[in-house]
Amino acid sequence: MRGDRVPAVELVDWSVTLGGRAVLSDIDLSAYPGELVGLVGPNGAGKSTLLRSIIMMPQPTGGAGRVFGRDISRISTAELARMVALMPQNLVLSFPFPAEEVVMMGRHPHLSRFQRESDEDWRIVRESMTRTDTAGLSRRIVTSLSGGETQLISMAKTLAQTAPVMLLDEPTASLDLRHQELIFGVVREFASAGGCAIVAIHDLGLAARYCTRIVLLKDGRIVAEGDAHQVFNAELLSSVYDIRVVVYNDPVSGAPAVLPVSEASSGRPESGASAGLPES
């Protein structure tokens, strides 16, 4: 806890084993209301598994997990869906639903089995689609959408769930620059309003600009945690990603920026300055 604040998500000694292989080991992580926590690390580091395990898919093989102080394993699936919304990497739908119906699926945790959607549910759907720039796609069949459009619809569905915790798995991977900034702006607004967002992301630039805290994973373990200036250390990132990088301060945002250095580069620069970049 921080003072008397209860974490929105708290994992202690959290471990997941799949197919006999330890995918996550001894994870200690607390995320609070008002935070936008970025999970970064190379492919296979365990970012996606960490997000999914918070909603018990897959179930952990060790440790304890709590959402707002409550044992995750003792919360029903329906109630957990009202508390935590997961946006997966890929929204897979084989049926030709209109996009607005897919977004409405985000409201299902709030409805009883035979309850019809209310005017308020539809208002939330329309607002979620407006915020994600998808209102014009409402009647489009979701299977006809591009990858980027489908990802935006998935984000709208996640917003429509109105859960106080959002888990986002690569939410901008298929998006153009404008929509990357749009979506992270929406997520930052969500956190600023008291929500808790945990985002798995490969784009270190976006993570540095938007995340209030960075968690760096490698081989299923947390190797560093802090703000972007603390975690985005050239020596550490070079070791974790197995590629030489330089880190410098972006002259516009002031956030750390990470640049890979080609093995063919002469001099193998150790710092931003030696690569002709601004000093950090």
C-alpha atoms as a PDB file:
ATOM      1  CA  MET A   1       0.000   0.000   0.000  1.00  0.00           C
ATOM      2  CA  ARG A   2       0.949   3.636  -0.379  1.00  0.00           C
ATOM      3  CA  GLY A   3      -0.180   5.177   2.863  1.00  0.00           C
ATOM      4  CA  ASP A   4      -3.779   4.087   3.275  1.00  0.00           C
ATOM      5  CA  ARG A   5      -4.356   3.577  -0.452  1.00  0.00           C
ATOM      6  CA  VAL A   6      -5.435   0.131  -1.586  1.00  0.00           C
ATOM      7  CA  PRO A   7      -3.901  -1.051  -4.882  1.00  0.00           C
ATOM      8  CA  ALA A   8      -6.304  -1.588  -7.752  1.00  0.00           C
ATOM      9  CA  VAL A   9      -4.232  -4.660  -8.649  1.00  0.00           C
ATOM     10  CA  GLU A  10      -1.744  -6.360  -6.354  1.00  0.00           C
ATOM     11  CA  LEU A  11       0.293  -9.459  -7.194  1.00  0.00           C
ATOM     12  CA  VAL A  12       2.610 -11.101  -4.656  1.00  0.00           C
ATOM     13  CA  ASP A  13       5.013 -13.932  -5.603  1.00  0.00           C
ATOM     14  CA  TRP A  14       2.779 -14.436  -8.674  1.00  0.00           C
ATOM     15  CA  SER A  15       3.847 -17.330 -10.870  1.00  0.00           C
ATOM     16  CA  VAL A  16       2.410 -19.045 -13.930  1.00  0.00           C
ATOM     17  CA  THR A  17       3.555 -22.341 -15.438  1.00  0.00           C
ATOM     18  CA  LEU A  18       2.324 -23.455 -18.863  1.00  0.00           C
ATOM     19  CA  GLY A  19       3.217 -26.776 -20.440  1.00  0.00           C
ATOM     20  CA  GLY A  20       5.746 -27.450 -17.720  1.00  0.00           C
ATOM     21  CA  ARG A  21       7.571 -24.166 -18.380  1.00  0.00           C
ATOM     22  CA  ALA A  22       7.693 -21.261 -15.936  1.00  0.00           C
ATOM     23  CA  VAL A  23       6.247 -18.320 -17.894  1.00  0.00           C
ATOM     24  CA  LEU A  24       6.059 -15.939 -14.919  1.00  0.00           C
ATOM     25  CA  SER A  25       8.109 -16.282 -11.747  1.00  0.00           C
ATOM     26  CA  ASP A  26       7.806 -14.458  -8.414  1.00  0.00           C
ATOM     27  CA  ILE A  27       6.082 -11.365  -9.786  1.00  0.00           C
ATOM     28  CA  ASP A  28       5.516  -8.618  -7.208  1.00  0.00           C
ATOM     29  CA  LEU A  29       3.464  -5.816  -8.702  1.00  0.00           C
ATOM     30  CA  SER A  30       1.077  -3.204  -7.344  1.00  0.00           C
ATOM     31  CA  ALA A  31      -0.863  -0.801  -9.574  1.00  0.00           C
ATOM     32  CA  TYR A  32      -2.936   2.001  -8.102  1.00  0.00           C
ATOM     33  CA  PRO A  33      -5.915   4.095  -9.195  1.00  0.00           C
ATOM     34  CA  GLY A  34      -4.612   7.006 -11.244  1.00  0.00           C
ATOM     35  CA  GLU A  35      -1.695   5.050 -12.694  1.00  0.00           C
ATOM     36  CA  LEU A  36      -0.899   4.083 -16.266  1.00  0.00           C
ATOM     37  CA  VAL A  37       1.584   1.246 -15.871  1.00  0.00           C
ATOM     38  CA  GLY A  38       3.526   0.108 -18.923  1.00  0.00           C
ATOM     39  CA  LEU A  39       4.783  -3.471 -19.242  1.00  0.00           C
ATOM     40  CA  VAL A  40       7.764  -3.582 -21.591  1.00  0.00           C
ATOM     41  CA  GLY A  41      10.239  -6.251 -22.558  1.00  0.00           C
ATOM     42  CA  PRO A  42      11.221  -8.490 -25.472  1.00  0.00           C
ATOM     43  CA  ASN A  43       8.940 -11.035 -27.109  1.00  0.00           C
ATOM     44  CA  GLY A  44       8.265 -13.914 -24.746  1.00  0.00           C
ATOM     45  CA  ALA A  45       9.011 -11.885 -21.617  1.00  0.00           C
ATOM     46  CA  GLY A  46       5.580 -12.717 -20.177  1.00  0.00           C
ATOM     47  CA  LYS A  47       3.737  -9.431 -20.664  1.00  0.00           C
ATOM     48  CA  SER A  48       0.588 -10.889 -22.225  1.00  0.00           C
ATOM     49  CA  THR A  49       0.473 -13.805 -19.803  1.00  0.00           C
ATOM     50  CA  LEU A  50       0.787 -11.398 -16.893  1.00  0.00           C
ATOM     51  CA  LEU A  51      -2.212  -9.399 -18.090  1.00  0.00           C
ATOM     52  CA  ARG A  52      -4.369 -12.450 -18.781  1.00  0.00           C
ATOM     53  CA  SER A  53      -3.487 -14.090 -15.472  1.00  0.00           C
ATOM     54  CA  ILE A  54      -4.986 -11.140 -13.594  1.00  0.00           C
ATOM     55  CA  ILE A  55      -8.375 -12.344 -14.842  1.00  0.00           C
ATOM     56  CA  MET A  56      -7.355 -15.964 -14.141  1.00  0.00           C
ATOM     57  CA  MET A  57      -6.816 -16.937 -17.791  1.00  0.00           C
ATOM     58  CA  PRO A  58      -4.463 -18.730 -17.231  1.00  0.00           C
ATOM     59  CA  GLN A  59      -4.705 -19.364 -13.527  1.00  0.00           C
ATOM     60  CA  PRO A  60      -1.551 -18.775 -11.508  1.00  0.00           C
ATOM     61  CA  THR A  61       0.406 -21.696 -10.117  1.00  0.00           C
ATOM     62  CA  GLY A  62       1.714 -19.733  -7.151  1.00  0.00           C
ATOM     63  CA  GLY A  63       1.346 -16.507  -5.236  1.00  0.00           C
ATOM     64  CA  ALA A  64      -1.551 -14.254  -4.329  1.00  0.00           C
ATOM     65  CA  GLY A  65      -3.505 -11.745  -6.385  1.00  0.00           C
ATOM     66  CA  ARG A  66      -5.942  -9.076  -5.259  1.00  0.00           C
ATOM     67  CA  VAL A  67      -8.168  -6.538  -6.981  1.00  0.00           C
ATOM     68  CA  PHE A  68      -9.068  -3.642  -4.702  1.00  0.00           C
ATOM     69  CA  GLY A  69      -7.994  -5.783  -1.767  1.00  0.00           C
ATOM     70  CA  ARG A  70     -10.090  -8.823  -2.694  1.00  0.00           C
ATOM     71  CA  ASP A  71      -8.634 -12.229  -3.507  1.00  0.00           C
ATOM     72  CA  ILE A  72      -8.993 -12.614  -7.278  1.00  0.00           C
ATOM     73  CA  SER A  73      -9.586 -16.357  -7.001  1.00  0.00           C
ATOM     74  CA  ARG A  74     -12.668 -15.721  -4.851  1.00  0.00           C
ATOM     75  CA  ILE A  75     -14.326 -13.236  -7.204  1.00  0.00           C
ATOM     76  CA  SER A  76     -16.898 -14.643  -9.633  1.00  0.00           C
ATOM     77  CA  THR A  77     -16.187 -14.372 -13.349  1.00  0.00           C
ATOM     78  CA  ALA A  78     -19.113 -11.983 -13.835  1.00  0.00           C
ATOM     79  CA  GLU A  79     -18.101  -9.697 -10.986  1.00  0.00           C
ATOM     80  CA  LEU A  80     -14.452  -9.727 -12.023  1.00  0.00           C
ATOM     81  CA  ALA A  81     -15.517  -8.602 -15.513  1.00  0.00           C
ATOM     82  CA  ARG A  82     -17.214  -5.593 -13.927  1.00  0.00           C
ATOM     83  CA  MET A  83     -13.995  -4.775 -12.098  1.00  0.00           C
ATOM     84  CA  VAL A  84     -11.365  -5.544 -14.747  1.00  0.00           C
ATOM     85  CA  ALA A  85     -11.591  -5.166 -18.539  1.00  0.00           C
ATOM     86  CA  LEU A  86      -9.043  -6.928 -20.765  1.00  0.00           C
ATOM     87  CA  MET A  87      -8.322  -5.817 -24.315  1.00  0.00           C
ATOM     88  CA  PRO A  88      -6.560  -8.769 -26.001  1.00  0.00           C
ATOM     89  CA  GLN A  89      -3.890  -8.428 -28.672  1.00  0.00           C
ATOM     90  CA  ASN A  90      -6.300  -9.726 -31.287  1.00  0.00           C
ATOM     91  CA  LEU A  91     -10.084  -9.519 -31.316  1.00  0.00           C
ATOM     92  CA  VAL A  92     -11.143 -12.766 -32.993  1.00  0.00           C
ATOM     93  CA  LEU A  93     -14.745 -12.842 -34.239  1.00  0.00           C
ATOM     94  CA  SER A  94     -15.952 -15.300 -36.854  1.00  0.00           C
ATOM     95  CA  PHE A  95     -19.559 -14.093 -37.020  1.00  0.00           C
ATOM     96  CA  PRO A  96     -20.621 -11.052 -39.077  1.00  0.00           C
ATOM     97  CA  PHE A  97     -21.668  -8.753 -36.229  1.00  0.00           C
ATOM     98  CA  PRO A  98     -22.097  -5.021 -36.823  1.00  0.00           C
ATOM     99  CA  ALA A  99     -19.285  -3.168 -35.068  1.00  0.00           C
ATOM    100  CA  GLU A 100     -21.646  -1.487 -32.603  1.00  0.00           C
ATOM    101  CA  GLU A 101     -22.901  -4.905 -31.479  1.00  0.00           C
ATOM    102  CA  VAL A 102     -19.327  -5.927 -30.754  1.00  0.00           C
ATOM    103  CA  VAL A 103     -18.842  -2.804 -28.639  1.00  0.00           C
ATOM    104  CA  MET A 104     -22.113  -3.622 -26.852  1.00  0.00           C
ATOM    105  CA  MET A 105     -20.533  -6.923 -25.781  1.00  0.00           C
ATOM    106  CA  GLY A 106     -18.558  -4.800 -23.352  1.00  0.00           C
ATOM    107  CA  ARG A 107     -21.820  -4.099 -21.515  1.00  0.00           C
ATOM    108  CA  HIS A 108     -22.728  -7.778 -21.059  1.00  0.00           C
ATOM    109  CA  PRO A 109     -21.114  -8.095 -17.582  1.00  0.00           C
ATOM    110  CA  HIS A 110     -23.590  -5.459 -16.397  1.00  0.00           C
ATOM    111  CA  LEU A 111     -26.660  -7.287 -17.744  1.00  0.00           C
ATOM    112  CA  SER A 112     -28.461 -10.288 -16.328  1.00  0.00           C
ATOM    113  CA  ARG A 113     -28.959 -13.318 -18.549  1.00  0.00           C
ATOM    114  CA  PHE A 114     -32.158 -12.211 -20.300  1.00  0.00           C
ATOM    115  CA  GLN A 115     -31.900  -8.476 -19.677  1.00  0.00           C
ATOM    116  CA  ARG A 116     -32.114  -6.234 -22.719  1.00  0.00           C
ATOM    117  CA  GLU A 117     -29.718  -3.379 -23.305  1.00  0.00           C
ATOM    118  CA  SER A 118     -30.976  -0.081 -21.909  1.00  0.00           C
ATOM    119  CA  ASP A 119     -30.788   3.404 -23.382  1.00  0.00           C
ATOM    120  CA  GLU A 120     -27.912   4.014 -20.953  1.00  0.00           C
ATOM    121  CA  ASP A 121     -26.040   1.000 -22.326  1.00  0.00           C
ATOM    122  CA  TRP A 122     -26.404   2.343 -25.849  1.00  0.00           C
ATOM    123  CA  ARG A 123     -25.308   5.808 -24.700  1.00  0.00           C
ATOM    124  CA  ILE A 124     -22.134   4.279 -23.268  1.00  0.00           C
ATOM    125  CA  VAL A 125     -21.539   2.364 -26.515  1.00  0.00           C
ATOM    126  CA  ARG A 126     -21.941   5.511 -28.624  1.00  0.00           C
ATOM    127  CA  GLU A 127     -19.664   7.498 -26.323  1.00  0.00           C
ATOM    128  CA  SER A 128     -17.009   4.771 -26.406  1.00  0.00           C
ATOM    129  CA  MET A 129     -17.103   4.677 -30.204  1.00  0.00           C
ATOM    130  CA  THR A 130     -16.889   8.463 -30.429  1.00  0.00           C
ATOM    131  CA  ARG A 131     -13.862   8.551 -28.126  1.00  0.00           C
ATOM    132  CA  THR A 132     -12.083   5.924 -30.241  1.00  0.00           C
ATOM    133  CA  ASP A 133     -12.967   7.531 -33.587  1.00  0.00           C
ATOM    134  CA  THR A 134     -15.119   4.559 -34.596  1.00  0.00           C
ATOM    135  CA  ALA A 135     -18.606   6.094 -34.658  1.00  0.00           C
ATOM    136  CA  GLY A 136     -18.522   5.976 -38.452  1.00  0.00           C
ATOM    137  CA  LEU A 137     -17.961   2.206 -38.318  1.00  0.00           C
ATOM    138  CA  SER A 138     -21.009   1.421 -36.179  1.00  0.00           C
ATOM    139  CA  ARG A 139     -22.981  -0.422 -38.891  1.00  0.00           C
ATOM    140  CA  ARG A 140     -19.960  -1.962 -40.613  1.00  0.00           C
ATOM    141  CA  ILE A 141     -19.618  -5.734 -40.330  1.00  0.00           C
ATOM    142  CA  VAL A 142     -16.676  -6.313 -38.042  1.00  0.00           C
ATOM    143  CA  THR A 143     -15.191  -9.107 -40.178  1.00  0.00           C
ATOM    144  CA  SER A 144     -14.875  -6.616 -43.061  1.00  0.00           C
ATOM    145  CA  LEU A 145     -12.781  -4.136 -41.076  1.00  0.00           C
ATOM    146  CA  SER A 146      -9.056  -3.599 -41.422  1.00  0.00           C
ATOM    147  CA  GLY A 147      -6.716  -4.688 -38.646  1.00  0.00           C
ATOM    148  CA  GLY A 148      -6.421  -1.149 -37.347  1.00  0.00           C
ATOM    149  CA  GLU A 149     -10.180  -0.573 -37.427  1.00  0.00           C
ATOM    150  CA  THR A 150     -10.758  -3.852 -35.589  1.00  0.00           C
ATOM    151  CA  GLN A 151      -8.262  -2.813 -32.927  1.00  0.00           C
ATOM    152  CA  LEU A 152     -10.090   0.482 -32.436  1.00  0.00           C
ATOM    153  CA  ILE A 153     -13.391  -1.388 -32.076  1.00  0.00           C
ATOM    154  CA  SER A 154     -11.751  -3.649 -29.497  1.00  0.00           C
ATOM    155  CA  MET A 155     -10.648  -0.565 -27.562  1.00  0.00           C
ATOM    156  CA  ALA A 156     -14.178   0.862 -27.741  1.00  0.00           C
ATOM    157  CA  LYS A 157     -15.551  -2.440 -26.390  1.00  0.00           C
ATOM    158  CA  THR A 158     -13.071  -2.291 -23.518  1.00  0.00           C
ATOM    159  CA  LEU A 159     -14.087   1.276 -22.665  1.00  0.00           C
ATOM    160  CA  ALA A 160     -17.770   0.318 -22.803  1.00  0.00           C
ATOM    161  CA  GLN A 161     -17.145  -2.245 -20.084  1.00  0.00           C
ATOM    162  CA  THR A 162     -16.668   0.738 -17.689  1.00  0.00           C
ATOM    163  CA  ALA A 163     -14.452  -1.279 -15.363  1.00  0.00           C
ATOM    164  CA  PRO A 164     -12.181   0.661 -12.989  1.00  0.00           C
ATOM    165  CA  VAL A 165      -9.189  -1.403 -14.172  1.00  0.00           C
ATOM    166  CA  MET A 166      -8.178  -1.795 -17.822  1.00  0.00           C
ATOM    167  CA  LEU A 167      -5.618  -4.329 -19.030  1.00  0.00           C
ATOM    168  CA  LEU A 168      -4.501  -3.497 -22.567  1.00  0.00           C
ATOM    169  CA  ASP A 169      -2.372  -5.894 -24.596  1.00  0.00           C
ATOM    170  CA  GLU A 170      -0.577  -4.011 -27.370  1.00  0.00           C
ATOM    171  CA  PRO A 171      -3.538  -1.640 -27.925  1.00  0.00           C
ATOM    172  CA  THR A 172      -1.803   0.371 -30.659  1.00  0.00           C
ATOM    173  CA  ALA A 173       0.136  -2.340 -32.529  1.00  0.00           C
ATOM    174  CA  SER A 174      -1.916  -2.003 -35.746  1.00  0.00           C
ATOM    175  CA  LEU A 175      -2.627   1.724 -35.567  1.00  0.00           C
ATOM    176  CA  ASP A 176      -1.323   4.689 -37.515  1.00  0.00           C
ATOM    177  CA  LEU A 177       0.417   7.547 -35.717  1.00  0.00           C
ATOM    178  CA  ARG A 178      -2.710   9.648 -35.180  1.00  0.00           C
ATOM    179  CA  HIS A 179      -4.681   6.793 -33.692  1.00  0.00           C
ATOM    180  CA  GLN A 180      -1.757   5.678 -31.518  1.00  0.00           C
ATOM    181  CA  GLU A 181      -1.744   9.115 -29.924  1.00  0.00           C
ATOM    182  CA  LEU A 182      -5.548   9.157 -29.747  1.00  0.00           C
ATOM    183  CA  ILE A 183      -5.765   5.839 -27.907  1.00  0.00           C
ATOM    184  CA  PHE A 184      -3.013   6.629 -25.434  1.00  0.00           C
ATOM    185  CA  GLY A 185      -4.644   9.989 -24.840  1.00  0.00           C
ATOM    186  CA  VAL A 186      -7.893   8.198 -23.996  1.00  0.00           C
ATOM    187  CA  VAL A 187      -6.069   5.807 -21.658  1.00  0.00           C
ATOM    188  CA  ARG A 188      -4.274   8.685 -19.942  1.00  0.00           C
ATOM    189  CA  GLU A 189      -7.619  10.453 -19.430  1.00  0.00           C
ATOM    190  CA  PHE A 190      -9.011   7.232 -17.944  1.00  0.00           C
ATOM    191  CA  ALA A 191      -6.139   7.063 -15.449  1.00  0.00           C
ATOM    192  CA  SER A 192      -6.317  10.781 -14.663  1.00  0.00           C
ATOM    193  CA  ALA A 193      -9.994  10.302 -13.781  1.00  0.00           C
ATOM    194  CA  GLY A 194      -9.051   7.647 -11.203  1.00  0.00           C
ATOM    195  CA  GLY A 195      -8.905   4.494 -13.304  1.00  0.00           C
ATOM    196  CA  CYS A 196      -5.994   2.069 -13.292  1.00  0.00           C
ATOM    197  CA  ALA A 197      -4.518   1.004 -16.636  1.00  0.00           C
ATOM    198  CA  ILE A 198      -1.852  -1.654 -17.170  1.00  0.00           C
ATOM    199  CA  VAL A 199      -0.583  -1.756 -20.747  1.00  0.00           C
ATOM    200  CA  ALA A 200       1.704  -4.250 -22.474  1.00  0.00           C
ATOM    201  CA  ILE A 201       3.561  -2.321 -25.150  1.00  0.00           C
ATOM    202  CA  HIS A 202       6.534  -2.758 -27.466  1.00  0.00           C
ATOM    203  CA  ASP A 203       6.798   0.909 -28.500  1.00  0.00           C
ATOM    204  CA  LEU A 204       9.213   2.311 -25.925  1.00  0.00           C
ATOM    205  CA  GLY A 205       8.642   5.862 -27.153  1.00  0.00           C
ATOM    206  CA  LEU A 206       4.913   5.707 -26.432  1.00  0.00           C
ATOM    207  CA  ALA A 207       5.610   4.040 -23.096  1.00  0.00           C
ATOM    208  CA  ALA A 208       8.037   6.784 -22.105  1.00  0.00           C
ATOM    209  CA  ARG A 209       5.664   9.590 -23.064  1.00  0.00           C
ATOM    210  CA  TYR A 210       2.457   8.252 -21.564  1.00  0.00           C
ATOM    211  CA  CYS A 211       3.138   5.742 -18.785  1.00  0.00           C
ATOM    212  CA  THR A 212       3.451   6.977 -15.229  1.00  0.00           C
ATOM    213  CA  ARG A 213       5.450   3.877 -14.348  1.00  0.00           C
ATOM    214  CA  ILE A 214       7.397   1.339 -16.382  1.00  0.00           C
ATOM    215  CA  VAL A 215       7.834  -2.345 -15.500  1.00  0.00           C
ATOM    216  CA  LEU A 216      10.569  -4.099 -17.492  1.00  0.00           C
ATOM    217  CA  LEU A 217      10.304  -7.875 -17.842  1.00  0.00           C
ATOM    218  CA  LYS A 218      12.646 -10.521 -19.149  1.00  0.00           C
ATOM    219  CA  ASP A 219      12.146 -14.300 -19.076  1.00  0.00           C
ATOM    220  CA  GLY A 220       9.045 -14.002 -16.907  1.00  0.00           C
ATOM    221  CA  ARG A 221      10.633 -11.866 -14.203  1.00  0.00           C
ATOM    222  CA  ILE A 222      10.590  -8.174 -13.357  1.00  0.00           C
ATOM    223  CA  VAL A 223      14.116  -6.806 -13.809  1.00  0.00           C
ATOM    224  CA  ALA A 224      13.420  -3.094 -13.294  1.00  0.00           C
ATOM    225  CA  GLU A 225      10.595  -0.804 -12.254  1.00  0.00           C
ATOM    226  CA  GLY A 226      10.238   2.964 -12.006  1.00  0.00           C
ATOM    227  CA  ASP A 227       9.578   5.970 -14.204  1.00  0.00           C
ATOM    228  CA  ALA A 228      10.900   6.033 -17.754  1.00  0.00           C
ATOM    229  CA  HIS A 229      14.046   7.981 -16.824  1.00  0.00           C
ATOM    230  CA  GLN A 230      14.895   5.346 -14.212  1.00  0.00           C
ATOM    231  CA  VAL A 231      14.179   2.249 -16.301  1.00  0.00           C
ATOM    232  CA  PHE A 232      15.289   3.339 -19.759  1.00  0.00           C
ATOM    233  CA  ASN A 233      18.986   2.969 -19.101  1.00  0.00           C
ATOM    234  CA  ALA A 234      21.081   2.138 -22.155  1.00  0.00           C
ATOM    235  CA  GLU A 235      23.135  -0.577 -20.457  1.00  0.00           C
ATOM    236  CA  LEU A 236      20.074  -2.254 -18.941  1.00  0.00           C
ATOM    237  CA  LEU A 237      17.983  -2.119 -22.124  1.00  0.00           C
ATOM    238  CA  SER A 238      20.892  -3.384 -24.221  1.00  0.00           C
ATOM    239  CA  SER A 239      21.192  -6.383 -21.921  1.00  0.00           C
ATOM    240  CA  VAL A 240      17.451  -7.129 -21.780  1.00  0.00           C
ATOM    241  CA  TYR A 241      16.799  -6.741 -25.515  1.00  0.00           C
ATOM    242  CA  ASP A 242      20.154  -8.229 -26.590  1.00  0.00           C
ATOM    243  CA  ILE A 243      20.887  -5.309 -28.893  1.00  0.00           C
ATOM    244  CA  ARG A 244      23.011  -2.205 -28.403  1.00  0.00           C
ATOM    245  CA  VAL A 245      20.892   0.910 -27.852  1.00  0.00           C
ATOM    246  CA  VAL A 246      21.426   4.550 -27.031  1.00  0.00           C
ATOM    247  CA  VAL A 247      19.057   6.534 -24.832  1.00  0.00           C
ATOM    248  CA  TYR A 248      18.592  10.285 -25.129  1.00  0.00           C
ATOM    249  CA  ASN A 249      16.014  12.858 -24.115  1.00  0.00           C
ATOM    250  CA  ASP A 250      13.486  13.640 -26.825  1.00  0.00           C
ATOM    251  CA  PRO A 251      13.859  17.374 -27.537  1.00  0.00           C
ATOM    252  CA  VAL A 252      10.087  17.869 -27.875  1.00  0.00           C
ATOM    253  CA  SER A 253       8.564  15.757 -25.090  1.00  0.00           C
ATOM    254  CA  GLY A 254      11.556  15.585 -22.770  1.00  0.00           C
ATOM    255  CA  ALA A 255      10.872  11.870 -22.353  1.00  0.00           C
ATOM    256  CA  PRO A 256      13.600   9.282 -22.880  1.00  0.00           C
ATOM    257  CA  ALA A 257      13.903   7.974 -26.422  1.00  0.00           C
ATOM    258  CA  VAL A 258      15.569   4.682 -27.308  1.00  0.00           C
ATOM    259  CA  LEU A 259      17.463   4.087 -30.535  1.00  0.00           C
ATOM    260  CA  PRO A 260      18.962   0.741 -31.608  1.00  0.00           C
ATOM    261  CA  VAL A 261      22.525   0.924 -32.862  1.00  0.00           C
ATOM    262  CA  SER A 262      23.362  -1.204 -35.874  1.00  0.00           C
ATOM    263  CA  GLU A 263      26.068  -3.773 -35.324  1.00  0.00           C
ATOM    264  CA  ALA A 264      27.603  -2.356 -38.482  1.00  0.00           C
ATOM    265  CA  SER A 265      27.892   1.140 -36.978  1.00  0.00           C
ATOM    266  CA  SER A 266      31.443   2.285 -36.537  1.00  0.00           C
ATOM    267  CA  GLY A 267      32.610   3.082 -33.043  1.00  0.00           C
ATOM    268  CA  ARG A 268      29.735   1.209 -31.319  1.00  0.00           C
ATOM    269  CA  PRO A 269      28.606   4.375 -29.477  1.00  0.00           C
ATOM    270  CA  GLU A 270      28.000   4.088 -25.751  1.00  0.00           C
ATOM    271  CA  SER A 271      25.900   7.229 -25.318  1.00  0.00           C
ATOM    272  CA  GLY A 272      23.502   9.502 -27.136  1.00  0.00           C
ATOM    273  CA  ALA A 273      26.182  12.150 -27.535  1.00  0.00           C
ATOM    274  CA  SER A 274      28.573   9.772 -29.267  1.00  0.00           C
ATOM    275  CA  ALA A 275      25.818   8.931 -31.734  1.00  0.00           C
ATOM    276  CA  GLY A 276      25.293  12.573 -32.601  1.00  0.00           C
ATOM    277  CA  LEU A 277      22.192  12.739 -30.399  1.00  0.00           C
ATOM    278  CA  PRO A 278      21.293  15.127 -27.592  1.00  0.00           C
ATOM    279  CA  GLU A 279      22.835  14.389 -24.200  1.00  0.00           C
ATOM    280  CA  SER A 280      20.449  12.662 -21.764  1.00  0.00           C
END
